[in-house]
């Protein structure tokens, strides 16, 4: 999961913040932020 998080972190800084706050963040939820 850490590897996936790193990819998202590079994609969006906002997603990185959420990931750090809630480590239980699901990829589906991150996908929503990515689409935004």
C-alpha atoms as a PDB file:
ATOM      1  CA  UNK A   1       0.000   0.000   0.000  1.00  0.00           C
ATOM      2  CA  UNK A   2       2.905   2.329   0.739  1.00  0.00           C
ATOM      3  CA  UNK A   3       4.033   2.083  -2.886  1.00  0.00           C
ATOM      4  CA  UNK A   4       0.569   3.064  -4.123  1.00  0.00           C
ATOM      5  CA  UNK A   5       0.485   5.985  -1.696  1.00  0.00           C
ATOM      6  CA  UNK A   6       3.785   7.270  -3.083  1.00  0.00           C
ATOM      7  CA  UNK A   7       2.336   7.270  -6.601  1.00  0.00           C
ATOM      8  CA  UNK A   8      -0.681   9.263  -5.483  1.00  0.00           C
ATOM      9  CA  UNK A   9       1.523  11.626  -3.478  1.00  0.00           C
ATOM     10  CA  UNK A  10       3.404  12.526  -6.649  1.00  0.00           C
ATOM     11  CA  UNK A  11       0.125  12.901  -8.508  1.00  0.00           C
ATOM     12  CA  UNK A  12      -1.492  15.348  -6.072  1.00  0.00           C
ATOM     13  CA  UNK A  13      -0.152  17.054  -2.966  1.00  0.00           C
ATOM     14  CA  UNK A  14      -3.685  17.297  -1.578  1.00  0.00           C
ATOM     15  CA  UNK A  15      -4.058  13.539  -1.752  1.00  0.00           C
ATOM     16  CA  UNK A  16      -0.734  13.204   0.040  1.00  0.00           C
ATOM     17  CA  UNK A  17      -2.052  15.327   2.927  1.00  0.00           C
ATOM     18  CA  UNK A  18      -5.158  13.191   3.261  1.00  0.00           C
ATOM     19  CA  UNK A  19      -3.084  10.000   3.087  1.00  0.00           C
ATOM     20  CA  UNK A  20      -0.853  11.234   5.901  1.00  0.00           C
ATOM     21  CA  UNK A  21      -3.828  12.252   8.045  1.00  0.00           C
ATOM     22  CA  UNK A  22      -5.809   9.051   7.418  1.00  0.00           C
ATOM     23  CA  UNK A  23      -3.622   6.115   6.525  1.00  0.00           C
ATOM     24  CA  UNK A  24      -6.761   4.041   6.057  1.00  0.00           C
ATOM     25  CA  UNK A  25      -7.722   6.120   3.001  1.00  0.00           C
ATOM     26  CA  UNK A  26      -8.916   3.837   0.203  1.00  0.00           C
ATOM     27  CA  UNK A  27      -7.646   4.057  -3.379  1.00  0.00           C
ATOM     28  CA  UNK A  28     -11.239   4.592  -4.587  1.00  0.00           C
ATOM     29  CA  UNK A  29     -11.533   7.736  -2.460  1.00  0.00           C
ATOM     30  CA  UNK A  30      -8.180   9.006  -3.743  1.00  0.00           C
ATOM     31  CA  UNK A  31      -9.370   8.386  -7.289  1.00  0.00           C
ATOM     32  CA  UNK A  32     -12.214  10.828  -6.653  1.00  0.00           C
ATOM     33  CA  UNK A  33      -9.775  13.572  -5.630  1.00  0.00           C
ATOM     34  CA  UNK A  34      -7.622  12.736  -8.622  1.00  0.00           C
ATOM     35  CA  UNK A  35     -10.599  13.209 -10.981  1.00  0.00           C
ATOM     36  CA  UNK A  36     -11.470  16.557  -9.375  1.00  0.00           C
END
